[in-house]
Amino acid sequence: MILLHHKIGGSCRKVVYLILSVLLLSSCYYKAPALDEEGLSEKTKDSLTYLYERHYTWNTNLEVVDDSISLECLPIKDTFIRLNKGDRVVVAEFAVHPADSVDSVWVKLAHTQDEQGWIRETELKKSFVPTDSISQAIHLFSDTHASYFVVIFALFVGVYLLRAFRRKQLQMVYFNDIDSIYPLFLCLLMAFSATVYESMQVFMPETWEHFYFNPTLSPFKVPFILSVFLLSIWLFLIVALAVLEDLFRQLAPAAAIFYLLGLLSCCIFCYFFFILMTHIYIGYLFLALFIWVFVGKVRKNIGYKYRCGHCGEKLKEKGICPHCGAINE
């Protein structure tokens, strides 16, 4: 007689409970600045107003991302200050020019005490990025050229691994997968995060812009959709650790590395696929289909409550193993 090793499925329930708990604790919206509080100076009130309306305010630190940019030395016309890529500035002043047909809002930027100039807000947002590391990561991740490189890399790795999979029967996500729901769950989280991200870009660009200039890693005290997005990112990192633990426990190091490359390609594909599909409003249908596939796999795993103590294969009930013939009690 051979004893069964353990029951499975408990880890799935723990992950579901974690998702429900963090969603219930998330906040709902950005609170408008309390300008009626006593003790606030007029300058502070103006600063809070600019923060709420423009998403940045005085003393916001910015960095040039274009090769070069020119600041106009108003009120002296045709006098400019040239800044190069990587130069840092601070927001010093705002001005409104109603007669300007291009952009009525002008922003004064200070590079040094002696080098200060004005620029239209539209040009500022196009040529500068906040110096905060999270904002710069967002800018890098959304950069078009970087996106092309990542897509080409993912396609190259994916095609290479697919050929290797056909020849050597390597294990890959969903196809000949390891005994774990976490890899597919990781891809689903990437698809979900991409869908939420693009939804904000399409339906709530102001919310995303405020987050871009005032980033945080906390899912609390932010609008609900941002809370969901940040929670999905945190959960993605947690599940990634679970994937690594299951992967190197079940596979040899070399096979695990190949599996990780395939998983990376799948995640990259999910990100860009759901970004594009959500932009044309059919990404939600594909996400629902993905969730249906994932739920099907979870049900399949839960249906097998036991493992054979001899060969390790899954069993629905105790008794004779249909794979090796051993008797499990």
Protein backbone atom coordinates (compact mmCIF):
# COMPACT_ATOMS: atom_id res chain seq x y z
CA MET A 1 0.00 0.00 0.00
CA ILE A 2 1.16 3.55 -0.76
CA LEU A 3 0.03 6.62 1.19
CA LEU A 4 -1.06 9.78 -0.64
CA HIS A 5 1.26 12.76 -0.38
CA HIS A 6 -1.10 15.72 0.04
CA LYS A 7 -4.30 17.40 -1.07
CA ILE A 8 -4.20 20.21 -3.58
CA GLY A 9 -6.27 23.31 -4.22
CA GLY A 10 -5.76 25.14 -0.94
CA SER A 11 -3.30 27.60 -2.50
CA CYS A 12 -5.91 28.58 -5.13
CA ARG A 13 -8.42 29.51 -2.47
CA LYS A 14 -5.82 31.56 -0.59
CA VAL A 15 -5.06 33.63 -3.70
CA VAL A 16 -8.78 34.26 -4.31
CA TYR A 17 -9.27 35.36 -0.70
CA LEU A 18 -6.28 37.70 -1.01
CA ILE A 19 -7.74 39.34 -4.14
CA LEU A 20 -11.14 39.88 -2.52
CA SER A 21 -9.59 41.30 0.65
CA VAL A 22 -7.40 43.89 -1.04
CA LEU A 23 -10.21 44.98 -3.39
CA LEU A 24 -12.56 45.62 -0.47
CA LEU A 25 -9.93 47.81 1.22
CA SER A 26 -9.25 50.01 -1.81
CA SER A 27 -10.22 53.70 -1.85
CA CYS A 28 -12.47 55.33 -4.42
CA TYR A 29 -11.30 58.73 -5.68
CA TYR A 30 -8.83 61.60 -5.47
CA LYS A 31 -9.93 64.14 -2.91
CA ALA A 32 -10.02 67.76 -4.04
CA PRO A 33 -7.71 70.11 -2.09
CA ALA A 34 -9.33 71.61 1.01
CA LEU A 35 -8.85 75.29 0.16
CA ASP A 36 -11.16 76.56 2.89
CA GLU A 37 -8.95 75.41 5.77
CA GLU A 38 -7.68 78.12 8.08
CA GLY A 39 -4.03 79.04 8.03
CA LEU A 40 -3.46 78.44 4.32
CA SER A 41 -1.74 81.29 2.55
CA GLU A 42 -2.88 82.48 -0.86
CA LYS A 43 0.25 81.06 -2.46
CA THR A 44 -0.44 77.65 -0.91
CA LYS A 45 -4.03 77.76 -2.12
CA ASP A 46 -2.86 78.66 -5.63
CA SER A 47 -0.35 75.82 -5.51
CA LEU A 48 -3.03 73.31 -4.51
CA THR A 49 -5.33 74.63 -7.21
CA TYR A 50 -2.64 74.17 -9.86
CA LEU A 51 -1.95 70.65 -8.53
CA TYR A 52 -5.60 69.69 -8.85
CA GLU A 53 -6.15 71.32 -12.26
CA ARG A 54 -2.77 70.85 -13.98
CA HIS A 55 -1.61 67.75 -12.00
CA TYR A 56 1.71 69.45 -11.14
CA THR A 57 2.52 72.68 -9.34
CA TRP A 58 5.32 75.00 -8.21
CA ASN A 59 8.64 73.35 -7.35
CA THR A 60 7.78 70.22 -9.36
CA ASN A 61 11.06 68.74 -10.63
CA LEU A 62 11.24 67.78 -14.31
CA GLU A 63 13.85 66.30 -16.65
CA VAL A 64 14.34 66.89 -20.38
CA VAL A 65 13.70 63.75 -22.47
CA ASP A 66 14.05 65.32 -25.94
CA ASP A 67 17.49 65.79 -27.50
CA SER A 68 17.15 69.52 -26.90
CA ILE A 69 14.51 72.07 -25.96
CA SER A 70 14.39 75.88 -25.95
CA LEU A 71 12.93 78.10 -23.23
CA GLU A 72 11.82 81.58 -24.23
CA CYS A 73 13.18 84.45 -22.11
CA LEU A 74 10.03 86.54 -21.86
CA PRO A 75 9.29 89.42 -21.97
CA ILE A 76 12.35 89.75 -24.25
CA LYS A 77 11.29 88.22 -27.57
CA ASP A 78 13.49 85.98 -29.74
CA THR A 79 15.78 85.21 -26.80
CA PHE A 80 16.07 81.58 -25.80
CA ILE A 81 17.80 79.25 -23.35
CA ARG A 82 18.77 75.86 -24.75
CA LEU A 83 18.47 72.75 -22.61
CA ASN A 84 19.79 69.32 -23.52
CA LYS A 85 18.58 65.81 -22.77
CA GLY A 86 18.99 64.97 -19.09
CA ASP A 87 18.96 68.58 -17.86
CA ARG A 88 16.73 69.10 -14.84
CA VAL A 89 14.45 72.05 -14.15
CA VAL A 90 11.93 73.12 -11.55
CA VAL A 91 8.53 74.73 -12.13
CA ALA A 92 8.81 78.37 -11.02
CA GLU A 93 5.70 80.17 -12.26
CA PHE A 94 2.50 79.95 -14.32
CA ALA A 95 0.99 82.47 -16.71
CA VAL A 96 -2.10 82.58 -18.91
CA HIS A 97 -2.01 84.23 -22.35
CA PRO A 98 -5.57 84.16 -23.74
CA ALA A 99 -4.41 85.57 -27.09
CA ASP A 100 -2.14 82.56 -27.73
CA SER A 101 -3.99 80.35 -30.22
CA VAL A 102 -1.64 77.38 -29.67
CA ASP A 103 -1.77 77.09 -25.88
CA SER A 104 -2.86 79.77 -23.46
CA VAL A 105 -1.01 78.25 -20.49
CA TRP A 106 2.70 79.05 -20.19
CA VAL A 107 5.05 77.66 -17.55
CA LYS A 108 8.26 79.23 -16.29
CA LEU A 109 11.06 76.71 -15.70
CA ALA A 110 14.29 77.32 -13.80
CA HIS A 111 17.40 75.34 -14.69
CA THR A 112 19.71 77.48 -12.56
CA GLN A 113 19.34 80.81 -10.83
CA ASP A 114 20.46 82.56 -14.02
CA GLU A 115 18.90 80.21 -16.60
CA GLN A 116 15.12 80.55 -16.52
CA GLY A 117 12.60 80.67 -19.34
CA TRP A 118 9.03 80.05 -20.46
CA ILE A 119 7.46 77.20 -22.42
CA ARG A 120 3.93 76.26 -23.47
CA GLU A 121 2.35 73.57 -21.29
CA THR A 122 1.70 71.26 -24.26
CA GLU A 123 5.40 71.36 -25.15
CA LEU A 124 6.37 70.87 -21.53
CA LYS A 125 4.35 67.66 -21.19
CA LYS A 126 5.78 66.36 -24.46
CA SER A 127 9.44 67.18 -23.77
CA PHE A 128 9.78 66.73 -19.99
CA VAL A 129 9.22 63.89 -17.54
CA PRO A 130 8.99 64.09 -13.73
CA THR A 131 12.21 63.13 -11.98
CA ASP A 132 10.43 60.61 -9.76
CA SER A 133 11.70 57.08 -10.50
CA ILE A 134 8.17 55.70 -10.91
CA SER A 135 7.26 58.40 -13.45
CA GLN A 136 10.45 57.75 -15.38
CA ALA A 137 9.74 54.01 -15.40
CA ILE A 138 6.25 54.71 -16.77
CA HIS A 139 7.75 56.94 -19.47
CA LEU A 140 10.33 54.31 -20.42
CA PHE A 141 7.76 51.52 -20.48
CA SER A 142 5.40 53.52 -22.70
CA ASP A 143 8.12 54.73 -25.07
CA THR A 144 7.29 53.66 -28.65
CA HIS A 145 10.80 52.62 -29.62
CA ALA A 146 11.23 50.55 -26.46
CA SER A 147 7.85 48.90 -27.13
CA TYR A 148 8.92 47.87 -30.63
CA PHE A 149 12.12 46.35 -29.26
CA VAL A 150 10.26 44.41 -26.57
CA VAL A 151 7.71 43.07 -29.06
CA ILE A 152 10.41 41.94 -31.50
CA PHE A 153 12.33 40.29 -28.64
CA ALA A 154 9.21 38.48 -27.42
CA LEU A 155 8.38 37.23 -30.93
CA PHE A 156 11.95 36.01 -31.47
CA VAL A 157 12.06 34.14 -28.16
CA GLY A 158 8.54 32.81 -28.63
CA VAL A 159 9.22 31.38 -32.10
CA TYR A 160 12.53 29.87 -30.95
CA LEU A 161 10.92 28.18 -27.95
CA LEU A 162 7.99 26.95 -30.04
CA ARG A 163 10.38 25.19 -32.40
CA ALA A 164 12.30 23.73 -29.44
CA PHE A 165 9.01 22.66 -27.88
CA ARG A 166 8.01 20.72 -31.00
CA ARG A 167 11.39 19.02 -31.31
CA LYS A 168 12.22 18.28 -27.65
CA GLN A 169 8.78 18.54 -25.98
CA LEU A 170 9.85 21.33 -23.63
CA GLN A 171 7.27 22.39 -21.07
CA MET A 172 5.47 25.66 -21.81
CA VAL A 173 2.65 27.71 -20.34
CA TYR A 174 -0.74 26.01 -20.85
CA PHE A 175 0.74 23.57 -23.40
CA ASN A 176 2.45 20.70 -21.59
CA ASP A 177 2.45 22.96 -18.54
CA ILE A 178 3.96 22.30 -15.13
CA ASP A 179 1.69 21.18 -12.30
CA SER A 180 0.76 24.68 -11.16
CA ILE A 181 -1.93 27.25 -11.93
CA TYR A 182 0.41 30.15 -11.17
CA PRO A 183 2.04 30.56 -14.64
CA LEU A 184 -1.33 30.91 -16.38
CA PHE A 185 -2.54 33.12 -13.52
CA LEU A 186 0.53 35.34 -14.07
CA CYS A 187 -0.37 35.77 -17.74
CA LEU A 188 -3.98 36.53 -16.76
CA LEU A 189 -2.80 39.21 -14.32
CA MET A 190 -0.68 40.79 -17.04
CA ALA A 191 -3.67 40.80 -19.39
CA PHE A 192 -5.89 42.27 -16.67
CA SER A 193 -3.36 45.00 -15.79
CA ALA A 194 -2.95 45.93 -19.46
CA THR A 195 -6.74 46.12 -19.88
CA VAL A 196 -7.14 48.38 -16.83
CA TYR A 197 -4.21 50.56 -17.93
CA GLU A 198 -5.58 51.08 -21.43
CA SER A 199 -9.07 51.67 -20.03
CA MET A 200 -7.68 54.60 -18.05
CA GLN A 201 -5.92 55.91 -21.14
CA VAL A 202 -9.16 55.77 -23.17
CA PHE A 203 -11.83 56.73 -20.64
CA MET A 204 -10.01 58.55 -17.80
CA PRO A 205 -6.82 60.17 -19.15
CA GLU A 206 -6.92 62.89 -16.46
CA THR A 207 -6.77 60.27 -13.70
CA TRP A 208 -3.73 58.64 -15.27
CA GLU A 209 -2.03 61.99 -15.89
CA HIS A 210 -2.44 62.95 -12.23
CA PHE A 211 -0.94 59.61 -11.22
CA TYR A 212 1.91 60.13 -13.71
CA PHE A 213 2.92 63.43 -12.10
CA ASN A 214 2.17 62.23 -8.55
CA PRO A 215 2.98 58.51 -8.55
CA THR A 216 2.64 56.15 -5.63
CA LEU A 217 3.01 52.42 -5.04
CA SER A 218 0.26 52.39 -2.43
CA PRO A 219 -3.17 51.20 -3.65
CA PHE A 220 -4.88 53.32 -1.02
CA LYS A 221 -6.10 56.93 -1.21
CA VAL A 222 -6.24 56.82 -5.00
CA PRO A 223 -9.24 56.45 -7.38
CA PHE A 224 -10.77 52.99 -7.42
CA ILE A 225 -9.54 52.09 -10.91
CA LEU A 226 -5.99 53.09 -9.96
CA SER A 227 -6.32 51.06 -6.78
CA VAL A 228 -7.32 48.00 -8.84
CA PHE A 229 -4.39 48.60 -11.22
CA LEU A 230 -1.83 48.90 -8.43
CA LEU A 231 -3.23 45.87 -6.63
CA SER A 232 -2.91 43.85 -9.83
CA ILE A 233 0.75 44.90 -10.12
CA TRP A 234 1.49 43.90 -6.52
CA LEU A 235 -0.36 40.61 -6.99
CA PHE A 236 1.60 40.03 -10.20
CA LEU A 237 4.86 40.27 -8.22
CA ILE A 238 3.57 37.91 -5.53
CA VAL A 239 2.41 35.33 -8.07
CA ALA A 240 5.74 35.66 -9.92
CA LEU A 241 7.51 34.52 -6.74
CA ALA A 242 5.09 31.60 -6.46
CA VAL A 243 5.87 30.68 -10.09
CA LEU A 244 9.60 30.63 -9.38
CA GLU A 245 9.10 28.43 -6.31
CA ASP A 246 6.95 25.91 -8.19
CA LEU A 247 9.12 26.02 -11.30
CA PHE A 248 12.49 25.23 -9.74
CA ARG A 249 10.87 22.61 -7.49
CA GLN A 250 9.43 20.69 -10.42
CA LEU A 251 11.97 21.20 -13.23
CA ALA A 252 15.69 20.96 -13.66
CA PRO A 253 17.48 24.36 -13.78
CA ALA A 254 18.03 24.25 -17.56
CA ALA A 255 14.40 23.35 -18.28
CA ALA A 256 13.24 25.99 -15.79
CA ILE A 257 15.21 28.71 -17.62
CA PHE A 258 13.62 27.75 -20.96
CA TYR A 259 10.21 27.76 -19.31
CA LEU A 260 10.83 31.22 -17.83
CA LEU A 261 11.78 32.58 -21.26
CA GLY A 262 8.57 31.21 -22.70
CA LEU A 263 6.57 32.64 -19.80
CA LEU A 264 8.21 36.03 -20.32
CA SER A 265 7.25 35.98 -24.00
CA CYS A 266 3.67 35.06 -23.11
CA CYS A 267 3.42 37.92 -20.61
CA ILE A 268 4.81 40.43 -23.12
CA PHE A 269 2.40 39.16 -25.77
CA CYS A 270 -0.53 39.45 -23.34
CA TYR A 271 0.44 43.01 -22.43
CA PHE A 272 0.60 44.38 -25.97
CA PHE A 273 -2.28 42.26 -27.28
CA PHE A 274 -4.69 43.48 -24.60
CA ILE A 275 -3.43 47.06 -24.93
CA LEU A 276 -4.30 47.01 -28.64
CA MET A 277 -7.57 45.11 -28.23
CA THR A 278 -8.81 47.33 -25.39
CA HIS A 279 -8.05 50.40 -27.47
CA ILE A 280 -10.59 49.17 -30.04
CA TYR A 281 -13.02 48.07 -27.28
CA ILE A 282 -12.88 44.29 -27.83
CA GLY A 283 -10.17 43.61 -25.26
CA TYR A 284 -12.83 43.05 -22.60
CA LEU A 285 -14.27 40.15 -24.59
CA PHE A 286 -10.83 38.53 -24.89
CA LEU A 287 -10.23 39.11 -21.16
CA ALA A 288 -13.52 37.38 -20.31
CA LEU A 289 -12.47 34.46 -22.56
CA PHE A 290 -9.07 34.31 -20.83
CA ILE A 291 -10.78 34.24 -17.40
CA TRP A 292 -13.03 31.42 -18.63
CA VAL A 293 -9.98 29.39 -19.72
CA PHE A 294 -8.25 30.03 -16.39
CA VAL A 295 -11.33 29.05 -14.36
CA GLY A 296 -11.53 25.85 -16.41
CA LYS A 297 -7.96 24.96 -15.48
CA VAL A 298 -8.59 25.75 -11.81
CA ARG A 299 -11.64 23.49 -11.78
CA LYS A 300 -9.62 20.74 -13.39
CA ASN A 301 -6.94 21.05 -10.70
CA ILE A 302 -9.49 21.13 -7.90
CA GLY A 303 -11.21 18.04 -9.31
CA TYR A 304 -8.04 16.05 -8.59
CA LYS A 305 -7.87 16.07 -4.80
CA TYR A 306 -5.05 13.55 -4.40
CA ARG A 307 -1.71 12.44 -5.81
CA CYS A 308 -0.39 8.96 -6.26
CA GLY A 309 2.26 8.21 -3.68
CA HIS A 310 4.23 6.17 -6.24
CA CYS A 311 4.24 8.09 -9.53
CA GLY A 312 3.02 11.51 -8.32
CA GLU A 313 0.17 11.75 -10.85
CA LYS A 314 -3.11 13.41 -9.84
CA LEU A 315 -6.03 11.29 -8.65
CA LYS A 316 -9.68 12.17 -8.20
CA GLU A 317 -10.17 9.56 -5.48
CA LYS A 318 -8.31 6.98 -3.47
CA GLY A 319 -7.72 3.53 -4.86
CA ILE A 320 -5.83 2.12 -7.83
CA CYS A 321 -3.75 4.66 -9.76
CA PRO A 322 -4.74 4.52 -13.47
CA HIS A 323 -1.20 5.62 -14.42
CA CYS A 324 1.01 3.11 -12.59
CA GLY A 325 -1.41 0.66 -10.95
CA ALA A 326 -0.30 1.40 -7.38
CA ILE A 327 -2.92 1.22 -4.65
CA ASN A 328 -3.41 4.44 -2.68
CA GLU A 329 -5.22 4.59 0.62
